């Protein structure tokens, strides 16, 4: 994995239940490189789900993007997937999130609990 992009933070355990607070789960993507990164057709793989960036979403060097699982209005630093419940595993064994390019190259990974990348 290269370090031009990282999953700098993952909040996998929402306050309350995942069904009533899907935006309590989020993933923070950071462009740590020196070039722009267009996330179009990139995927976040988590909890058996594939979350695809359909539209062009460019991150400038140093830019941070927070991906929330529930509904909301997309803004410069936030994207909402519009899901009705949580995606990220709260299991005692842990879980992981992977950021994958359109060519299925894993660019970043974040794990918690007993899991590792």
N, C-alpha and C. Protein backbone atom coordinates (compact mmCIF):
# COMPACT_ATOMS: atom_id res chain seq x y z
N UNK A 1 0.85 -1.19 0.00
CA UNK A 1 0.00 0.00 0.00
C UNK A 1 0.89 1.25 0.00
N UNK A 2 0.56 2.19 -0.84
CA UNK A 2 1.27 3.46 -0.82
C UNK A 2 0.62 4.37 0.20
N UNK A 3 1.34 5.36 0.61
CA UNK A 3 0.84 6.26 1.64
C UNK A 3 0.39 7.61 1.09
N UNK A 4 -0.04 7.65 -0.18
CA UNK A 4 -0.53 8.91 -0.72
C UNK A 4 -1.96 9.19 -0.26
N UNK A 5 -2.63 8.16 0.24
CA UNK A 5 -3.97 8.32 0.78
C UNK A 5 -4.10 7.39 1.98
N UNK A 6 -4.75 7.87 3.04
CA UNK A 6 -4.93 7.04 4.23
C UNK A 6 -6.37 7.09 4.71
N UNK A 7 -6.74 6.05 5.42
CA UNK A 7 -7.99 6.06 6.18
C UNK A 7 -7.54 6.51 7.57
N UNK A 8 -7.60 7.81 7.79
CA UNK A 8 -7.00 8.39 8.99
C UNK A 8 -7.83 8.19 10.25
N UNK A 9 -9.11 7.87 10.09
CA UNK A 9 -9.96 7.64 11.25
C UNK A 9 -11.18 6.83 10.83
N UNK A 10 -11.59 5.92 11.70
CA UNK A 10 -12.81 5.15 11.48
C UNK A 10 -13.59 5.13 12.79
N UNK A 11 -14.82 5.58 12.74
CA UNK A 11 -15.70 5.51 13.92
C UNK A 11 -16.74 4.44 13.62
N UNK A 12 -16.52 3.25 14.16
CA UNK A 12 -17.32 2.08 13.79
C UNK A 12 -18.47 1.80 14.75
N UNK A 13 -18.47 2.39 15.93
CA UNK A 13 -19.49 2.08 16.93
C UNK A 13 -20.31 3.33 17.22
N UNK A 14 -21.43 3.47 16.51
CA UNK A 14 -22.29 4.64 16.67
C UNK A 14 -22.93 4.66 18.05
N UNK A 15 -23.17 5.88 18.56
CA UNK A 15 -23.95 6.01 19.79
C UNK A 15 -25.35 5.47 19.52
N UNK A 16 -25.93 4.75 20.46
CA UNK A 16 -27.25 4.14 20.24
C UNK A 16 -27.10 2.92 19.36
N UNK A 17 -28.06 2.73 18.47
CA UNK A 17 -27.99 1.58 17.56
C UNK A 17 -27.63 2.05 16.16
N UNK A 18 -27.06 1.14 15.40
CA UNK A 18 -26.68 1.49 14.02
C UNK A 18 -27.90 1.86 13.19
N UNK A 19 -29.05 1.24 13.47
CA UNK A 19 -30.26 1.51 12.69
C UNK A 19 -30.81 2.90 12.96
N UNK A 20 -30.67 3.39 14.19
CA UNK A 20 -31.23 4.71 14.51
C UNK A 20 -30.20 5.82 14.35
N UNK A 21 -28.93 5.48 14.22
CA UNK A 21 -27.88 6.50 14.10
C UNK A 21 -26.82 6.08 13.07
N UNK A 22 -27.22 5.90 11.81
CA UNK A 22 -26.22 5.48 10.82
C UNK A 22 -25.10 6.50 10.61
N UNK A 23 -25.38 7.79 10.86
CA UNK A 23 -24.33 8.80 10.71
C UNK A 23 -23.36 8.81 11.89
N UNK A 24 -23.63 7.97 12.88
CA UNK A 24 -22.69 7.79 13.98
C UNK A 24 -21.50 6.93 13.57
N UNK A 25 -21.59 6.36 12.38
CA UNK A 25 -20.46 5.62 11.80
C UNK A 25 -19.88 6.48 10.68
N UNK A 26 -18.56 6.63 10.68
CA UNK A 26 -17.94 7.38 9.61
C UNK A 26 -16.51 6.92 9.38
N UNK A 27 -16.02 7.28 8.19
CA UNK A 27 -14.66 6.95 7.76
C UNK A 27 -14.04 8.24 7.25
N UNK A 28 -12.83 8.53 7.68
CA UNK A 28 -12.13 9.74 7.23
C UNK A 28 -11.00 9.33 6.29
N UNK A 29 -11.06 9.90 5.07
CA UNK A 29 -10.04 9.66 4.04
C UNK A 29 -9.20 10.92 3.93
N UNK A 30 -7.87 10.77 3.97
CA UNK A 30 -6.96 11.90 3.88
C UNK A 30 -6.00 11.72 2.71
N UNK A 31 -5.85 12.76 1.90
CA UNK A 31 -4.86 12.74 0.82
C UNK A 31 -3.55 13.25 1.41
N UNK A 32 -2.63 12.34 1.68
CA UNK A 32 -1.33 12.67 2.25
C UNK A 32 -0.27 12.90 1.18
N UNK A 33 -0.64 12.75 -0.07
CA UNK A 33 0.32 12.88 -1.16
C UNK A 33 0.44 14.30 -1.67
N UNK A 34 1.15 14.43 -2.77
CA UNK A 34 1.39 15.75 -3.37
C UNK A 34 0.58 15.96 -4.65
N UNK A 35 -0.25 14.99 -5.02
CA UNK A 35 -1.08 15.09 -6.22
C UNK A 35 -2.56 14.94 -5.87
N UNK A 36 -3.40 15.46 -6.75
CA UNK A 36 -4.84 15.28 -6.59
C UNK A 36 -5.19 13.82 -6.78
N UNK A 37 -6.22 13.38 -6.08
CA UNK A 37 -6.71 12.01 -6.21
C UNK A 37 -8.20 12.09 -6.52
N UNK A 38 -8.61 11.50 -7.64
CA UNK A 38 -10.03 11.45 -7.99
C UNK A 38 -10.56 10.09 -7.54
N UNK A 39 -11.51 10.10 -6.62
CA UNK A 39 -12.06 8.86 -6.05
C UNK A 39 -13.15 8.22 -6.91
N UNK A 40 -13.43 8.76 -8.07
CA UNK A 40 -14.46 8.18 -8.94
C UNK A 40 -14.15 6.70 -9.19
N UNK A 41 -15.14 5.86 -8.97
CA UNK A 41 -15.07 4.41 -9.14
C UNK A 41 -14.18 3.70 -8.11
N UNK A 42 -13.70 4.42 -7.10
CA UNK A 42 -13.00 3.78 -5.98
C UNK A 42 -14.07 3.18 -5.07
N UNK A 43 -13.69 2.25 -4.22
CA UNK A 43 -14.62 1.57 -3.32
C UNK A 43 -14.10 1.58 -1.89
N UNK A 44 -15.04 1.63 -0.97
CA UNK A 44 -14.76 1.33 0.43
C UNK A 44 -15.36 -0.04 0.69
N UNK A 45 -14.55 -0.97 1.14
CA UNK A 45 -15.01 -2.32 1.46
C UNK A 45 -15.06 -2.45 2.97
N UNK A 46 -16.26 -2.71 3.49
CA UNK A 46 -16.43 -2.80 4.94
C UNK A 46 -17.67 -3.62 5.27
N UNK A 47 -17.54 -4.48 6.25
CA UNK A 47 -18.69 -5.23 6.74
C UNK A 47 -19.43 -5.98 5.65
N UNK A 48 -18.71 -6.49 4.66
CA UNK A 48 -19.34 -7.22 3.57
C UNK A 48 -20.01 -6.33 2.53
N UNK A 49 -19.89 -5.02 2.67
CA UNK A 49 -20.49 -4.08 1.71
C UNK A 49 -19.41 -3.47 0.84
N UNK A 50 -19.82 -3.07 -0.37
CA UNK A 50 -18.97 -2.33 -1.30
C UNK A 50 -19.61 -0.98 -1.53
N UNK A 51 -18.98 0.05 -1.04
CA UNK A 51 -19.50 1.39 -1.20
C UNK A 51 -18.70 2.06 -2.31
N UNK A 52 -19.36 2.39 -3.41
CA UNK A 52 -18.70 2.88 -4.61
C UNK A 52 -18.88 4.39 -4.75
N UNK A 53 -17.79 5.09 -5.04
CA UNK A 53 -17.85 6.51 -5.38
C UNK A 53 -18.23 6.59 -6.85
N UNK A 54 -19.50 6.88 -7.15
CA UNK A 54 -19.97 6.94 -8.54
C UNK A 54 -19.51 8.21 -9.24
N UNK A 55 -19.62 9.32 -8.56
CA UNK A 55 -19.30 10.61 -9.17
C UNK A 55 -17.85 10.98 -8.90
N UNK A 56 -17.35 11.90 -9.69
CA UNK A 56 -16.00 12.40 -9.48
C UNK A 56 -15.93 13.11 -8.13
N UNK A 57 -14.95 12.76 -7.33
CA UNK A 57 -14.75 13.38 -6.02
C UNK A 57 -13.25 13.53 -5.83
N UNK A 58 -12.73 14.70 -6.15
CA UNK A 58 -11.29 14.94 -6.13
C UNK A 58 -10.85 15.45 -4.76
N UNK A 59 -9.78 14.84 -4.26
CA UNK A 59 -9.16 15.30 -3.03
C UNK A 59 -7.83 15.96 -3.37
N UNK A 60 -7.70 17.23 -3.01
CA UNK A 60 -6.44 17.94 -3.20
C UNK A 60 -5.44 17.47 -2.14
N UNK A 61 -4.14 17.69 -2.36
CA UNK A 61 -3.15 17.33 -1.35
C UNK A 61 -3.50 17.94 0.01
N UNK A 62 -3.50 17.12 1.03
CA UNK A 62 -3.83 17.57 2.38
C UNK A 62 -5.31 17.59 2.70
N UNK A 63 -6.17 17.40 1.70
CA UNK A 63 -7.62 17.47 1.91
C UNK A 63 -8.13 16.22 2.62
N UNK A 64 -9.17 16.43 3.42
CA UNK A 64 -9.79 15.37 4.22
C UNK A 64 -11.25 15.24 3.80
N UNK A 65 -11.72 14.00 3.67
CA UNK A 65 -13.11 13.73 3.34
C UNK A 65 -13.69 12.77 4.37
N UNK A 66 -14.81 13.14 4.97
CA UNK A 66 -15.50 12.27 5.92
C UNK A 66 -16.67 11.62 5.21
N UNK A 67 -16.70 10.29 5.24
CA UNK A 67 -17.78 9.51 4.62
C UNK A 67 -18.69 9.01 5.74
N UNK A 68 -19.95 9.45 5.72
CA UNK A 68 -20.92 9.03 6.72
C UNK A 68 -21.90 8.05 6.09
N UNK A 69 -22.36 7.09 6.89
CA UNK A 69 -23.18 6.00 6.37
C UNK A 69 -24.63 6.40 6.10
N UNK A 70 -25.17 7.33 6.84
CA UNK A 70 -26.58 7.70 6.72
C UNK A 70 -26.84 8.77 5.68
N UNK A 71 -27.95 9.47 5.85
CA UNK A 71 -28.38 10.50 4.91
C UNK A 71 -27.92 11.87 5.37
N UNK A 72 -27.78 12.76 4.42
CA UNK A 72 -27.40 14.13 4.68
C UNK A 72 -27.09 14.81 3.37
N UNK A 73 -26.63 16.02 3.46
CA UNK A 73 -26.30 16.80 2.25
C UNK A 73 -24.79 16.78 2.05
N UNK A 74 -24.36 16.28 0.89
CA UNK A 74 -22.94 16.26 0.58
C UNK A 74 -22.39 17.69 0.57
N UNK A 75 -21.21 17.83 1.12
CA UNK A 75 -20.54 19.13 1.18
C UNK A 75 -19.08 18.93 0.79
N UNK A 76 -18.30 19.98 0.87
CA UNK A 76 -16.91 19.89 0.42
C UNK A 76 -16.11 18.86 1.21
N UNK A 77 -16.38 18.69 2.47
CA UNK A 77 -15.61 17.76 3.28
C UNK A 77 -16.39 16.55 3.76
N UNK A 78 -17.63 16.38 3.27
CA UNK A 78 -18.46 15.27 3.73
C UNK A 78 -19.24 14.64 2.58
N UNK A 79 -19.36 13.31 2.64
CA UNK A 79 -20.17 12.56 1.70
C UNK A 79 -21.06 11.64 2.52
N UNK A 80 -22.33 11.52 2.12
CA UNK A 80 -23.29 10.65 2.80
C UNK A 80 -23.70 9.53 1.86
N UNK A 81 -23.68 8.28 2.36
CA UNK A 81 -24.03 7.14 1.52
C UNK A 81 -25.53 6.89 1.46
N UNK A 82 -26.30 7.44 2.41
CA UNK A 82 -27.75 7.29 2.37
C UNK A 82 -28.25 5.93 2.80
N UNK A 83 -27.46 5.21 3.59
CA UNK A 83 -27.87 3.89 4.07
C UNK A 83 -28.77 4.01 5.30
N UNK A 84 -29.67 3.07 5.46
CA UNK A 84 -30.60 3.10 6.58
C UNK A 84 -30.05 2.52 7.87
N UNK A 85 -28.87 1.98 7.84
CA UNK A 85 -28.28 1.39 9.03
C UNK A 85 -26.77 1.40 8.92
N UNK A 86 -26.15 0.92 9.96
CA UNK A 86 -24.69 0.91 9.99
C UNK A 86 -24.10 -0.16 9.07
N UNK A 87 -22.84 0.00 8.77
CA UNK A 87 -22.12 -0.91 7.90
C UNK A 87 -20.92 -1.51 8.63
N UNK A 88 -20.30 -0.74 9.48
CA UNK A 88 -19.04 -1.13 10.10
C UNK A 88 -19.27 -2.08 11.27
N UNK A 89 -18.57 -3.23 11.27
CA UNK A 89 -18.79 -4.24 12.30
C UNK A 89 -18.41 -3.76 13.71
N UNK A 90 -19.30 -4.01 14.67
CA UNK A 90 -19.05 -3.70 16.08
C UNK A 90 -18.68 -4.96 16.85
N UNK A 91 -18.37 -6.02 16.17
CA UNK A 91 -18.13 -7.32 16.80
C UNK A 91 -16.92 -7.28 17.72
N UNK A 92 -16.92 -8.11 18.75
CA UNK A 92 -15.75 -8.18 19.64
C UNK A 92 -14.47 -8.57 18.89
N UNK A 93 -14.62 -9.29 17.78
CA UNK A 93 -13.45 -9.68 16.99
C UNK A 93 -12.92 -8.53 16.16
N UNK A 94 -13.69 -7.46 16.02
CA UNK A 94 -13.26 -6.29 15.28
C UNK A 94 -13.71 -6.29 13.84
N UNK A 95 -13.07 -5.45 13.06
CA UNK A 95 -13.41 -5.33 11.65
C UNK A 95 -12.35 -4.55 10.93
N UNK A 96 -12.60 -4.29 9.66
CA UNK A 96 -11.66 -3.52 8.86
C UNK A 96 -12.38 -2.81 7.74
N UNK A 97 -11.76 -1.75 7.25
CA UNK A 97 -12.21 -1.00 6.09
C UNK A 97 -11.04 -0.90 5.14
N UNK A 98 -11.30 -1.12 3.86
CA UNK A 98 -10.27 -1.00 2.83
C UNK A 98 -10.73 0.01 1.79
N UNK A 99 -9.81 0.85 1.35
CA UNK A 99 -10.05 1.78 0.26
C UNK A 99 -9.36 1.20 -0.96
N UNK A 100 -10.16 0.93 -2.02
CA UNK A 100 -9.69 0.17 -3.18
C UNK A 100 -9.90 1.00 -4.46
N UNK A 101 -8.90 0.98 -5.33
CA UNK A 101 -8.98 1.70 -6.61
C UNK A 101 -9.90 0.95 -7.58
N UNK A 102 -10.24 1.58 -8.72
CA UNK A 102 -11.04 0.88 -9.72
C UNK A 102 -10.35 -0.38 -10.25
N UNK A 103 -9.03 -0.45 -10.10
CA UNK A 103 -8.26 -1.61 -10.56
C UNK A 103 -8.06 -2.63 -9.44
N UNK A 104 -8.80 -2.44 -8.34
CA UNK A 104 -8.81 -3.34 -7.18
C UNK A 104 -7.50 -3.36 -6.40
N UNK A 105 -6.72 -2.30 -6.51
CA UNK A 105 -5.52 -2.15 -5.69
C UNK A 105 -5.93 -1.55 -4.35
N UNK A 106 -5.53 -2.18 -3.26
CA UNK A 106 -5.82 -1.64 -1.93
C UNK A 106 -4.87 -0.47 -1.68
N UNK A 107 -5.43 0.72 -1.49
CA UNK A 107 -4.62 1.92 -1.26
C UNK A 107 -4.49 2.24 0.21
N UNK A 108 -5.48 1.83 1.02
CA UNK A 108 -5.43 2.12 2.45
C UNK A 108 -6.30 1.11 3.18
N UNK A 109 -5.96 0.87 4.43
CA UNK A 109 -6.73 -0.05 5.26
C UNK A 109 -6.67 0.42 6.70
N UNK A 110 -7.75 0.25 7.41
CA UNK A 110 -7.84 0.57 8.84
C UNK A 110 -8.57 -0.59 9.51
N UNK A 111 -7.99 -1.11 10.56
CA UNK A 111 -8.59 -2.26 11.27
C UNK A 111 -8.75 -1.91 12.74
N UNK A 112 -9.65 -2.64 13.42
CA UNK A 112 -9.87 -2.44 14.86
C UNK A 112 -10.16 -3.79 15.48
N UNK A 113 -10.14 -3.79 16.82
CA UNK A 113 -10.35 -5.05 17.54
C UNK A 113 -9.20 -6.01 17.28
N UNK A 114 -9.51 -7.26 17.04
CA UNK A 114 -8.51 -8.29 16.82
C UNK A 114 -8.12 -8.43 15.35
N UNK A 115 -8.67 -7.61 14.50
CA UNK A 115 -8.38 -7.67 13.06
C UNK A 115 -7.13 -6.87 12.75
N UNK A 116 -6.51 -7.19 11.64
CA UNK A 116 -5.36 -6.41 11.17
C UNK A 116 -5.43 -6.34 9.64
N UNK A 117 -4.73 -5.37 9.11
CA UNK A 117 -4.70 -5.18 7.66
C UNK A 117 -3.55 -5.93 7.03
